[in-house]
N, C-alpha and C. Protein backbone atom coordinates (compact mmCIF):
# COMPACT_ATOMS: atom_id res chain seq x y z
N MET A 1 -33.71 6.66 5.48
CA MET A 1 -33.30 6.87 6.86
C MET A 1 -33.00 5.52 7.52
N THR A 2 -31.89 5.44 8.25
CA THR A 2 -31.50 4.20 8.90
C THR A 2 -32.40 3.90 10.09
N VAL A 3 -32.89 2.68 10.14
CA VAL A 3 -33.73 2.25 11.26
C VAL A 3 -32.84 1.97 12.46
N SER A 4 -33.24 2.43 13.64
CA SER A 4 -32.42 2.25 14.84
C SER A 4 -32.43 0.80 15.30
N ASP A 5 -31.42 0.44 16.10
CA ASP A 5 -31.38 -0.90 16.70
C ASP A 5 -32.64 -1.16 17.51
N GLU A 6 -33.06 -0.12 18.26
CA GLU A 6 -34.23 -0.28 19.14
C GLU A 6 -35.48 -0.65 18.34
N GLU A 7 -35.64 0.01 17.20
CA GLU A 7 -36.81 -0.27 16.35
C GLU A 7 -36.73 -1.68 15.77
N LEU A 8 -35.53 -2.07 15.33
CA LEU A 8 -35.35 -3.42 14.77
C LEU A 8 -35.59 -4.48 15.84
N VAL A 9 -35.12 -4.21 17.06
CA VAL A 9 -35.34 -5.14 18.17
C VAL A 9 -36.84 -5.28 18.44
N SER A 10 -37.53 -4.14 18.48
CA SER A 10 -38.98 -4.15 18.73
C SER A 10 -39.72 -4.95 17.66
N ARG A 11 -39.35 -4.74 16.41
CA ARG A 11 -39.98 -5.50 15.32
C ARG A 11 -39.66 -6.99 15.43
N SER A 12 -38.40 -7.28 15.78
CA SER A 12 -37.98 -8.69 15.92
C SER A 12 -38.77 -9.37 17.03
N GLN A 13 -38.97 -8.64 18.13
CA GLN A 13 -39.74 -9.21 19.24
C GLN A 13 -41.19 -9.46 18.84
N GLY A 14 -41.64 -8.72 17.83
CA GLY A 14 -42.99 -8.91 17.32
C GLY A 14 -43.08 -10.01 16.27
N GLY A 15 -41.94 -10.69 16.02
CA GLY A 15 -41.94 -11.82 15.10
C GLY A 15 -41.41 -11.53 13.71
N ASP A 16 -40.88 -10.33 13.50
CA ASP A 16 -40.33 -9.96 12.19
C ASP A 16 -38.89 -10.47 12.06
N VAL A 17 -38.73 -11.61 11.42
CA VAL A 17 -37.42 -12.25 11.27
C VAL A 17 -36.48 -11.39 10.44
N ASP A 18 -37.01 -10.70 9.44
CA ASP A 18 -36.18 -9.86 8.58
C ASP A 18 -35.49 -8.75 9.39
N SER A 19 -36.18 -8.22 10.39
CA SER A 19 -35.59 -7.17 11.22
C SER A 19 -34.40 -7.72 12.01
N PHE A 20 -34.52 -8.96 12.50
CA PHE A 20 -33.39 -9.55 13.22
C PHE A 20 -32.23 -9.81 12.25
N ASN A 21 -32.55 -10.21 11.03
CA ASN A 21 -31.49 -10.40 10.02
C ASN A 21 -30.75 -9.10 9.76
N GLN A 22 -31.47 -7.97 9.80
CA GLN A 22 -30.83 -6.67 9.63
C GLN A 22 -29.88 -6.37 10.79
N LEU A 23 -30.27 -6.77 12.00
CA LEU A 23 -29.38 -6.61 13.17
C LEU A 23 -28.12 -7.46 13.01
N ILE A 24 -28.29 -8.66 12.47
CA ILE A 24 -27.13 -9.53 12.23
C ILE A 24 -26.19 -8.86 11.23
N LEU A 25 -26.75 -8.37 10.12
CA LEU A 25 -25.92 -7.71 9.11
C LEU A 25 -25.18 -6.50 9.69
N ARG A 26 -25.83 -5.79 10.59
CA ARG A 26 -25.27 -4.57 11.18
C ARG A 26 -24.15 -4.89 12.18
N TRP A 27 -24.30 -5.98 12.94
CA TRP A 27 -23.38 -6.24 14.06
C TRP A 27 -22.48 -7.46 13.89
N GLU A 28 -22.66 -8.22 12.81
CA GLU A 28 -21.87 -9.44 12.63
C GLU A 28 -20.37 -9.15 12.58
N ARG A 29 -19.99 -8.14 11.83
CA ARG A 29 -18.56 -7.84 11.66
C ARG A 29 -17.89 -7.41 12.99
N PRO A 30 -18.49 -6.46 13.73
CA PRO A 30 -17.88 -6.09 15.02
C PRO A 30 -17.83 -7.25 16.02
N ILE A 31 -18.88 -8.09 16.04
CA ILE A 31 -18.89 -9.21 16.99
C ILE A 31 -17.83 -10.24 16.61
N TYR A 32 -17.70 -10.51 15.30
CA TYR A 32 -16.65 -11.42 14.86
C TYR A 32 -15.27 -10.87 15.22
N ALA A 33 -15.07 -9.58 14.95
CA ALA A 33 -13.78 -8.95 15.24
C ALA A 33 -13.46 -9.02 16.73
N LEU A 34 -14.48 -8.78 17.57
CA LEU A 34 -14.28 -8.88 19.02
C LEU A 34 -13.85 -10.29 19.41
N ALA A 35 -14.57 -11.29 18.91
CA ALA A 35 -14.25 -12.69 19.22
C ALA A 35 -12.85 -13.05 18.73
N TYR A 36 -12.51 -12.59 17.52
CA TYR A 36 -11.19 -12.91 16.97
C TYR A 36 -10.08 -12.30 17.81
N ARG A 37 -10.29 -11.06 18.25
CA ARG A 37 -9.25 -10.40 19.04
C ARG A 37 -9.10 -11.03 20.42
N VAL A 38 -10.21 -11.53 20.99
CA VAL A 38 -10.15 -12.12 22.33
C VAL A 38 -9.57 -13.53 22.30
N ILE A 39 -10.02 -14.38 21.35
CA ILE A 39 -9.56 -15.77 21.37
C ILE A 39 -8.53 -16.08 20.29
N GLY A 40 -8.45 -15.25 19.25
CA GLY A 40 -7.36 -15.35 18.29
C GLY A 40 -7.40 -16.50 17.31
N ARG A 41 -8.54 -17.14 17.14
CA ARG A 41 -8.64 -18.24 16.19
C ARG A 41 -9.83 -17.97 15.25
N GLU A 42 -9.53 -17.96 13.97
CA GLU A 42 -10.53 -17.56 12.97
C GLU A 42 -11.80 -18.41 13.03
N GLU A 43 -11.62 -19.74 12.96
CA GLU A 43 -12.77 -20.64 12.93
C GLU A 43 -13.59 -20.55 14.22
N ASP A 44 -12.89 -20.53 15.37
CA ASP A 44 -13.59 -20.44 16.65
C ASP A 44 -14.29 -19.09 16.80
N ALA A 45 -13.68 -18.02 16.28
CA ALA A 45 -14.32 -16.71 16.33
C ALA A 45 -15.61 -16.70 15.54
N ARG A 46 -15.61 -17.38 14.38
CA ARG A 46 -16.84 -17.49 13.57
C ARG A 46 -17.92 -18.25 14.34
N ASP A 47 -17.50 -19.34 15.00
CA ASP A 47 -18.45 -20.13 15.80
C ASP A 47 -19.06 -19.30 16.92
N VAL A 48 -18.19 -18.55 17.61
CA VAL A 48 -18.65 -17.69 18.71
C VAL A 48 -19.63 -16.65 18.18
N CYS A 49 -19.32 -16.07 17.05
CA CYS A 49 -20.18 -15.05 16.44
C CYS A 49 -21.56 -15.62 16.13
N GLN A 50 -21.59 -16.79 15.49
CA GLN A 50 -22.86 -17.42 15.15
C GLN A 50 -23.66 -17.77 16.41
N GLU A 51 -22.96 -18.33 17.40
CA GLU A 51 -23.61 -18.71 18.65
C GLU A 51 -24.16 -17.49 19.39
N ALA A 52 -23.41 -16.38 19.32
CA ALA A 52 -23.85 -15.14 19.99
C ALA A 52 -25.19 -14.68 19.43
N PHE A 53 -25.33 -14.70 18.10
CA PHE A 53 -26.59 -14.27 17.49
C PHE A 53 -27.72 -15.27 17.75
N LEU A 54 -27.36 -16.55 17.79
CA LEU A 54 -28.37 -17.57 18.08
C LEU A 54 -28.92 -17.38 19.50
N ARG A 55 -28.00 -17.15 20.44
CA ARG A 55 -28.43 -16.94 21.83
C ARG A 55 -29.22 -15.64 21.96
N ALA A 56 -28.78 -14.61 21.25
CA ALA A 56 -29.49 -13.33 21.30
C ALA A 56 -30.92 -13.50 20.77
N TYR A 57 -31.06 -14.24 19.69
CA TYR A 57 -32.38 -14.46 19.09
C TYR A 57 -33.30 -15.19 20.07
N ARG A 58 -32.74 -16.22 20.73
CA ARG A 58 -33.54 -17.00 21.68
C ARG A 58 -33.93 -16.17 22.90
N ALA A 59 -33.01 -15.28 23.31
CA ALA A 59 -33.25 -14.48 24.52
C ALA A 59 -33.98 -13.17 24.24
N LEU A 60 -34.21 -12.87 22.97
CA LEU A 60 -34.79 -11.58 22.58
C LEU A 60 -36.12 -11.26 23.26
N PRO A 61 -37.02 -12.25 23.44
CA PRO A 61 -38.29 -11.93 24.10
C PRO A 61 -38.10 -11.34 25.51
N GLY A 62 -37.01 -11.71 26.18
CA GLY A 62 -36.75 -11.21 27.53
C GLY A 62 -35.92 -9.94 27.57
N PHE A 63 -35.49 -9.44 26.40
CA PHE A 63 -34.67 -8.22 26.35
C PHE A 63 -35.56 -7.01 26.60
N LYS A 64 -35.27 -6.28 27.69
CA LYS A 64 -36.13 -5.16 28.11
C LYS A 64 -35.61 -3.80 27.66
N GLY A 65 -34.44 -3.78 27.01
CA GLY A 65 -33.92 -2.50 26.55
C GLY A 65 -33.29 -1.65 27.63
N GLN A 66 -32.93 -2.28 28.78
CA GLN A 66 -32.29 -1.50 29.86
C GLN A 66 -30.87 -1.11 29.46
N ALA A 67 -30.26 -1.90 28.59
CA ALA A 67 -28.95 -1.57 28.02
C ALA A 67 -29.13 -1.46 26.51
N LYS A 68 -28.15 -0.86 25.83
CA LYS A 68 -28.21 -0.82 24.37
C LYS A 68 -28.14 -2.25 23.84
N PHE A 69 -28.77 -2.49 22.70
CA PHE A 69 -28.73 -3.82 22.10
C PHE A 69 -27.28 -4.24 21.86
N SER A 70 -26.45 -3.31 21.38
CA SER A 70 -25.05 -3.63 21.08
C SER A 70 -24.30 -4.06 22.35
N SER A 71 -24.56 -3.37 23.46
CA SER A 71 -23.90 -3.73 24.73
C SER A 71 -24.33 -5.12 25.18
N TRP A 72 -25.62 -5.39 25.04
CA TRP A 72 -26.17 -6.70 25.40
C TRP A 72 -25.53 -7.79 24.55
N LEU A 73 -25.38 -7.51 23.25
CA LEU A 73 -24.78 -8.48 22.33
C LEU A 73 -23.29 -8.69 22.64
N TYR A 74 -22.58 -7.60 22.95
CA TYR A 74 -21.17 -7.72 23.34
C TYR A 74 -21.03 -8.61 24.58
N ARG A 75 -21.95 -8.43 25.54
CA ARG A 75 -21.87 -9.24 26.77
C ARG A 75 -22.03 -10.72 26.45
N ILE A 76 -23.00 -11.05 25.58
CA ILE A 76 -23.20 -12.44 25.18
C ILE A 76 -21.94 -12.99 24.53
N ALA A 77 -21.36 -12.22 23.60
CA ALA A 77 -20.15 -12.67 22.88
C ALA A 77 -18.97 -12.84 23.84
N LEU A 78 -18.80 -11.90 24.77
CA LEU A 78 -17.69 -12.00 25.72
C LEU A 78 -17.83 -13.22 26.63
N ASN A 79 -19.06 -13.50 27.05
CA ASN A 79 -19.29 -14.69 27.88
C ASN A 79 -18.95 -15.96 27.10
N LEU A 80 -19.32 -15.99 25.83
CA LEU A 80 -18.98 -17.14 25.00
C LEU A 80 -17.47 -17.28 24.82
N CYS A 81 -16.77 -16.15 24.67
CA CYS A 81 -15.31 -16.17 24.56
C CYS A 81 -14.68 -16.72 25.84
N ARG A 82 -15.20 -16.27 26.98
CA ARG A 82 -14.68 -16.78 28.27
C ARG A 82 -14.90 -18.28 28.39
N ASP A 83 -16.08 -18.73 27.97
CA ASP A 83 -16.38 -20.17 28.00
C ASP A 83 -15.38 -20.93 27.12
N TRP A 84 -15.09 -20.38 25.95
CA TRP A 84 -14.13 -21.02 25.04
C TRP A 84 -12.74 -21.12 25.69
N ILE A 85 -12.31 -20.02 26.30
CA ILE A 85 -10.98 -20.01 26.94
C ILE A 85 -10.93 -21.03 28.07
N ARG A 86 -12.03 -21.11 28.86
CA ARG A 86 -12.07 -22.07 29.96
C ARG A 86 -12.02 -23.51 29.44
N ARG A 87 -12.76 -23.76 28.38
CA ARG A 87 -12.77 -25.12 27.80
C ARG A 87 -11.38 -25.49 27.28
N GLN A 88 -10.70 -24.54 26.66
CA GLN A 88 -9.37 -24.81 26.13
C GLN A 88 -8.32 -24.90 27.23
N ARG A 89 -8.65 -24.30 28.39
CA ARG A 89 -7.74 -24.28 29.55
C ARG A 89 -6.38 -23.72 29.20
N ARG A 90 -6.40 -22.66 28.44
CA ARG A 90 -5.14 -22.02 28.07
C ARG A 90 -5.43 -20.59 27.67
N ALA A 91 -4.37 -19.81 27.61
CA ALA A 91 -4.51 -18.42 27.17
C ALA A 91 -4.80 -18.41 25.68
N PRO A 92 -5.59 -17.45 25.23
CA PRO A 92 -5.85 -17.37 23.79
C PRO A 92 -4.59 -17.02 23.03
N VAL A 93 -4.55 -17.44 21.78
CA VAL A 93 -3.42 -17.08 20.93
C VAL A 93 -3.95 -16.30 19.75
N VAL A 94 -3.10 -15.52 19.15
CA VAL A 94 -3.51 -14.74 18.00
C VAL A 94 -2.84 -15.31 16.76
N GLU A 95 -3.64 -15.88 15.89
CA GLU A 95 -3.13 -16.41 14.64
C GLU A 95 -3.55 -15.45 13.54
N ILE A 96 -2.61 -14.77 12.95
CA ILE A 96 -2.94 -13.82 11.90
C ILE A 96 -2.74 -14.49 10.54
N PRO A 97 -3.84 -14.75 9.82
CA PRO A 97 -3.69 -15.37 8.51
C PRO A 97 -2.84 -14.49 7.59
N GLU A 98 -2.11 -15.13 6.72
CA GLU A 98 -1.22 -14.38 5.83
C GLU A 98 -2.00 -13.36 5.01
N GLY A 99 -1.52 -12.13 5.02
CA GLY A 99 -2.14 -11.08 4.24
C GLY A 99 -3.39 -10.48 4.85
N VAL A 100 -3.77 -10.94 6.07
CA VAL A 100 -4.97 -10.41 6.72
C VAL A 100 -4.59 -9.73 8.02
N ASP A 101 -5.05 -8.50 8.18
CA ASP A 101 -4.82 -7.75 9.40
C ASP A 101 -6.11 -7.78 10.21
N PRO A 102 -6.19 -8.57 11.29
CA PRO A 102 -7.45 -8.72 12.02
C PRO A 102 -7.98 -7.41 12.58
N THR A 103 -7.10 -6.45 12.84
CA THR A 103 -7.57 -5.18 13.39
C THR A 103 -8.37 -4.39 12.38
N GLU A 104 -8.31 -4.80 11.09
CA GLU A 104 -9.07 -4.11 10.04
C GLU A 104 -10.50 -4.61 9.97
N LEU A 105 -10.78 -5.77 10.59
CA LEU A 105 -12.06 -6.43 10.39
C LEU A 105 -13.25 -5.59 10.84
N ALA A 106 -13.09 -4.84 11.92
CA ALA A 106 -14.21 -4.04 12.40
C ALA A 106 -14.03 -2.57 12.11
N ALA A 107 -12.94 -2.22 11.43
CA ALA A 107 -12.64 -0.80 11.18
C ALA A 107 -13.53 -0.27 10.06
N GLN A 108 -13.80 1.01 10.15
CA GLN A 108 -14.53 1.67 9.07
C GLN A 108 -13.60 1.85 7.88
N THR A 109 -14.15 2.13 6.73
CA THR A 109 -13.34 2.35 5.54
C THR A 109 -12.43 3.56 5.76
N GLU A 110 -11.17 3.39 5.45
CA GLU A 110 -10.20 4.46 5.65
C GLU A 110 -9.79 5.04 4.31
N PRO A 111 -9.26 6.28 4.33
CA PRO A 111 -8.77 6.86 3.08
C PRO A 111 -7.66 6.00 2.48
N ALA A 112 -7.49 6.11 1.17
CA ALA A 112 -6.43 5.35 0.50
C ALA A 112 -5.08 5.71 1.09
N GLU A 113 -4.20 4.73 1.21
CA GLU A 113 -2.88 4.99 1.77
C GLU A 113 -1.83 4.34 0.88
N SER A 114 -0.61 4.80 1.03
CA SER A 114 0.46 4.27 0.20
C SER A 114 0.82 2.86 0.66
N ILE A 115 1.49 2.12 -0.22
CA ILE A 115 1.94 0.76 0.13
C ILE A 115 2.86 0.82 1.35
N GLU A 116 3.74 1.84 1.39
CA GLU A 116 4.68 1.97 2.51
C GLU A 116 3.93 2.15 3.82
N ASP A 117 2.87 3.01 3.81
CA ASP A 117 2.08 3.24 5.02
C ASP A 117 1.35 1.97 5.44
N LEU A 118 0.81 1.26 4.45
CA LEU A 118 0.07 0.03 4.74
C LEU A 118 0.99 -1.01 5.38
N VAL A 119 2.17 -1.20 4.80
CA VAL A 119 3.13 -2.18 5.35
C VAL A 119 3.54 -1.78 6.76
N ALA A 120 3.83 -0.49 6.96
CA ALA A 120 4.25 -0.01 8.28
C ALA A 120 3.14 -0.23 9.31
N ARG A 121 1.89 0.03 8.90
CA ARG A 121 0.77 -0.12 9.83
C ARG A 121 0.54 -1.59 10.17
N GLN A 122 0.65 -2.46 9.16
CA GLN A 122 0.46 -3.89 9.41
C GLN A 122 1.58 -4.46 10.28
N GLU A 123 2.79 -3.94 10.07
CA GLU A 123 3.93 -4.38 10.89
C GLU A 123 3.71 -3.97 12.34
N LEU A 124 3.27 -2.72 12.53
CA LEU A 124 3.00 -2.23 13.88
C LEU A 124 1.87 -3.03 14.51
N SER A 125 0.84 -3.34 13.71
CA SER A 125 -0.27 -4.12 14.21
C SER A 125 0.19 -5.49 14.70
N GLY A 126 1.12 -6.10 13.97
CA GLY A 126 1.66 -7.40 14.37
C GLY A 126 2.39 -7.32 15.71
N ILE A 127 3.13 -6.21 15.91
CA ILE A 127 3.86 -6.01 17.17
C ILE A 127 2.87 -5.84 18.32
N VAL A 128 1.81 -5.07 18.07
CA VAL A 128 0.79 -4.86 19.10
C VAL A 128 0.09 -6.18 19.43
N GLU A 129 -0.27 -6.96 18.41
CA GLU A 129 -0.94 -8.25 18.63
C GLU A 129 -0.04 -9.18 19.46
N GLU A 130 1.25 -9.14 19.17
CA GLU A 130 2.22 -9.98 19.91
C GLU A 130 2.23 -9.57 21.39
N ALA A 131 2.22 -8.26 21.64
CA ALA A 131 2.24 -7.77 23.02
C ALA A 131 0.92 -8.09 23.73
N MET A 132 -0.19 -8.05 22.98
CA MET A 132 -1.50 -8.33 23.58
C MET A 132 -1.58 -9.74 24.14
N LYS A 133 -0.82 -10.66 23.54
CA LYS A 133 -0.88 -12.06 23.96
C LYS A 133 -0.42 -12.26 25.40
N VAL A 134 0.46 -11.38 25.88
CA VAL A 134 1.00 -11.57 27.23
C VAL A 134 0.13 -10.94 28.31
N LEU A 135 -0.88 -10.18 27.92
CA LEU A 135 -1.73 -9.50 28.90
C LEU A 135 -2.73 -10.47 29.52
N PRO A 136 -3.09 -10.26 30.79
CA PRO A 136 -4.19 -11.03 31.39
C PRO A 136 -5.48 -10.78 30.61
N GLU A 137 -6.38 -11.74 30.66
CA GLU A 137 -7.62 -11.65 29.87
C GLU A 137 -8.40 -10.36 30.14
N GLU A 138 -8.51 -9.95 31.44
CA GLU A 138 -9.30 -8.77 31.78
C GLU A 138 -8.72 -7.50 31.15
N GLN A 139 -7.38 -7.37 31.19
CA GLN A 139 -6.74 -6.19 30.61
C GLN A 139 -6.89 -6.19 29.09
N ARG A 140 -6.66 -7.35 28.49
CA ARG A 140 -6.75 -7.46 27.03
C ARG A 140 -8.17 -7.12 26.55
N THR A 141 -9.17 -7.66 27.24
CA THR A 141 -10.55 -7.42 26.85
C THR A 141 -10.92 -5.95 27.01
N ALA A 142 -10.47 -5.32 28.10
CA ALA A 142 -10.75 -3.90 28.32
C ALA A 142 -10.15 -3.05 27.20
N ILE A 143 -8.91 -3.36 26.81
CA ILE A 143 -8.26 -2.61 25.72
C ILE A 143 -9.00 -2.81 24.40
N ILE A 144 -9.39 -4.04 24.12
CA ILE A 144 -10.11 -4.34 22.87
C ILE A 144 -11.41 -3.54 22.81
N LEU A 145 -12.16 -3.54 23.91
CA LEU A 145 -13.45 -2.85 23.93
C LEU A 145 -13.28 -1.34 23.81
N LYS A 146 -12.24 -0.79 24.45
CA LYS A 146 -12.04 0.68 24.44
C LYS A 146 -11.38 1.15 23.16
N GLU A 147 -10.24 0.55 22.82
CA GLU A 147 -9.43 1.06 21.72
C GLU A 147 -9.91 0.61 20.34
N TYR A 148 -10.46 -0.61 20.25
CA TYR A 148 -10.88 -1.13 18.95
C TYR A 148 -12.38 -0.92 18.69
N HIS A 149 -13.19 -0.97 19.76
CA HIS A 149 -14.63 -0.90 19.57
C HIS A 149 -15.25 0.40 20.07
N GLY A 150 -14.44 1.25 20.70
CA GLY A 150 -14.89 2.59 21.07
C GLY A 150 -15.90 2.67 22.19
N LEU A 151 -15.98 1.65 23.04
CA LEU A 151 -16.92 1.71 24.15
C LEU A 151 -16.41 2.69 25.21
N THR A 152 -17.32 3.27 25.98
CA THR A 152 -16.93 4.18 27.07
C THR A 152 -16.46 3.36 28.27
N PHE A 153 -15.79 4.05 29.22
CA PHE A 153 -15.36 3.37 30.44
C PHE A 153 -16.56 2.75 31.16
N GLN A 154 -17.68 3.51 31.21
CA GLN A 154 -18.86 3.01 31.91
C GLN A 154 -19.45 1.79 31.22
N GLU A 155 -19.49 1.81 29.89
CA GLU A 155 -20.01 0.65 29.16
C GLU A 155 -19.16 -0.58 29.41
N ILE A 156 -17.84 -0.40 29.46
CA ILE A 156 -16.94 -1.54 29.73
C ILE A 156 -17.15 -2.04 31.15
N ALA A 157 -17.30 -1.10 32.09
CA ALA A 157 -17.54 -1.49 33.49
C ALA A 157 -18.82 -2.31 33.60
N ASP A 158 -19.87 -1.87 32.89
CA ASP A 158 -21.14 -2.61 32.92
C ASP A 158 -20.98 -3.99 32.29
N LEU A 159 -20.26 -4.06 31.16
CA LEU A 159 -20.06 -5.34 30.48
C LEU A 159 -19.27 -6.32 31.34
N GLN A 160 -18.22 -5.80 32.01
CA GLN A 160 -17.36 -6.69 32.79
C GLN A 160 -17.85 -6.86 34.22
N GLY A 161 -18.87 -6.10 34.60
CA GLY A 161 -19.43 -6.23 35.94
C GLY A 161 -18.47 -5.79 37.03
N VAL A 162 -17.72 -4.72 36.77
CA VAL A 162 -16.74 -4.23 37.75
C VAL A 162 -16.90 -2.72 37.90
N PRO A 163 -16.33 -2.13 38.99
CA PRO A 163 -16.40 -0.68 39.16
C PRO A 163 -15.62 0.05 38.06
N LEU A 164 -15.99 1.30 37.84
CA LEU A 164 -15.35 2.15 36.84
C LEU A 164 -13.84 2.24 37.09
N SER A 165 -13.46 2.38 38.35
CA SER A 165 -12.04 2.52 38.70
C SER A 165 -11.24 1.27 38.30
N THR A 166 -11.87 0.10 38.38
CA THR A 166 -11.20 -1.15 38.00
C THR A 166 -10.91 -1.16 36.50
N VAL A 167 -11.88 -0.70 35.71
CA VAL A 167 -11.70 -0.64 34.26
C VAL A 167 -10.53 0.28 33.92
N LYS A 168 -10.49 1.45 34.55
CA LYS A 168 -9.41 2.41 34.28
C LYS A 168 -8.05 1.84 34.67
N THR A 169 -8.02 1.11 35.79
CA THR A 169 -6.77 0.48 36.22
C THR A 169 -6.32 -0.58 35.23
N ARG A 170 -7.26 -1.42 34.80
CA ARG A 170 -6.93 -2.48 33.83
C ARG A 170 -6.40 -1.88 32.52
N LEU A 171 -7.08 -0.82 32.05
CA LEU A 171 -6.64 -0.18 30.81
C LEU A 171 -5.27 0.44 30.97
N TYR A 172 -5.05 1.13 32.07
CA TYR A 172 -3.76 1.80 32.27
C TYR A 172 -2.64 0.76 32.33
N GLN A 173 -2.86 -0.31 33.12
CA GLN A 173 -1.82 -1.33 33.25
C GLN A 173 -1.56 -2.03 31.92
N GLY A 174 -2.65 -2.38 31.21
CA GLY A 174 -2.49 -3.06 29.92
C GLY A 174 -1.80 -2.19 28.89
N LEU A 175 -2.22 -0.91 28.80
CA LEU A 175 -1.60 0.00 27.83
C LEU A 175 -0.14 0.29 28.19
N SER A 176 0.17 0.28 29.49
CA SER A 176 1.56 0.49 29.91
C SER A 176 2.45 -0.65 29.42
N VAL A 177 1.93 -1.87 29.52
CA VAL A 177 2.69 -3.02 29.02
C VAL A 177 2.88 -2.91 27.51
N LEU A 178 1.81 -2.53 26.80
CA LEU A 178 1.91 -2.36 25.35
C LEU A 178 2.93 -1.28 24.99
N ARG A 179 2.90 -0.18 25.74
CA ARG A 179 3.83 0.92 25.46
C ARG A 179 5.28 0.46 25.63
N ARG A 180 5.54 -0.27 26.72
CA ARG A 180 6.92 -0.77 26.95
C ARG A 180 7.34 -1.70 25.82
N HIS A 181 6.42 -2.55 25.39
CA HIS A 181 6.72 -3.49 24.32
C HIS A 181 7.03 -2.75 23.02
N LEU A 182 6.23 -1.72 22.72
CA LEU A 182 6.45 -0.94 21.51
C LEU A 182 7.76 -0.15 21.58
N GLU A 183 8.04 0.40 22.76
CA GLU A 183 9.29 1.15 22.93
C GLU A 183 10.49 0.23 22.75
N LYS A 184 10.36 -0.99 23.27
CA LYS A 184 11.44 -1.98 23.15
C LYS A 184 11.71 -2.31 21.68
N ASN A 185 10.63 -2.28 20.90
CA ASN A 185 10.76 -2.56 19.46
C ASN A 185 11.01 -1.29 18.65
N GLY A 186 11.17 -0.16 19.35
CA GLY A 186 11.42 1.10 18.66
C GLY A 186 10.23 1.58 17.87
N ARG A 187 9.00 1.17 18.28
CA ARG A 187 7.80 1.51 17.51
C ARG A 187 6.70 2.02 18.43
N MET A 188 6.96 3.11 19.11
CA MET A 188 5.93 3.68 19.99
C MET A 188 4.89 4.37 19.14
N ALA A 189 3.67 3.85 19.14
CA ALA A 189 2.61 4.40 18.29
C ALA A 189 2.01 5.66 18.91
N PRO A 190 1.75 6.69 18.09
CA PRO A 190 1.13 7.90 18.61
C PRO A 190 -0.20 7.63 19.31
N GLN A 191 -1.00 6.68 18.75
CA GLN A 191 -2.28 6.40 19.38
C GLN A 191 -2.11 5.80 20.76
N SER A 192 -1.00 5.07 20.98
CA SER A 192 -0.76 4.51 22.31
C SER A 192 -0.42 5.62 23.29
N ARG A 193 0.37 6.60 22.83
CA ARG A 193 0.71 7.73 23.68
C ARG A 193 -0.57 8.49 24.07
N ASN A 194 -1.43 8.73 23.08
CA ASN A 194 -2.65 9.46 23.32
C ASN A 194 -3.56 8.72 24.28
N ALA A 195 -3.67 7.39 24.10
CA ALA A 195 -4.54 6.59 24.96
C ALA A 195 -4.06 6.65 26.41
N LEU A 196 -2.74 6.59 26.60
CA LEU A 196 -2.19 6.61 27.95
C LEU A 196 -2.40 7.96 28.64
N LYS A 197 -2.41 9.04 27.87
CA LYS A 197 -2.60 10.37 28.45
C LYS A 197 -3.93 10.49 29.17
N ALA A 198 -4.92 9.73 28.71
CA ALA A 198 -6.26 9.82 29.31
C ALA A 198 -6.28 9.39 30.77
N PHE A 199 -5.25 8.65 31.20
CA PHE A 199 -5.25 8.13 32.57
C PHE A 199 -4.39 8.98 33.49
N ARG A 200 -3.71 9.98 32.96
CA ARG A 200 -2.80 10.77 33.79
C ARG A 200 -3.53 11.88 34.50
């Protein structure tokens, strides 16, 4: 039976280092993927990921469990990403290493697909990543958290420290820009259509 995050956190707070290592193994991939999508640089995303867990470990004694451990960890990682963007004094860029689709990094294992489907999906992913670069940070982050990481509107609102209505507005505006970009490229993705319907 899988041990819950709450139980691992409790054991970690009691000094069980192995339990915290299990939390790292469980959340390292999603946190790295989040950092990569927000700042777009592989090496810096790895640094942010490592720093996020280091800060979480140091702050663990003060973690009261008022939010889910994952939400708390996402907040730490997002704050580190914002710090990185401020230090660089520029908008993040997305560098996609050859043969690597960053949107796959946090995805669950998918059924086998044909080479044609894989190429088409990676091509579409590249178009979406290109469009994401032009979005303001708040819109881009909201889309990443909702569409890639599956957080609820309320969880995103809590993470970003804004009202629920603001999150919905940011998502709608950001997804609208993505939709226009995809339509311009003749590649309107069904998932984009479905995501936009939620706001109508």
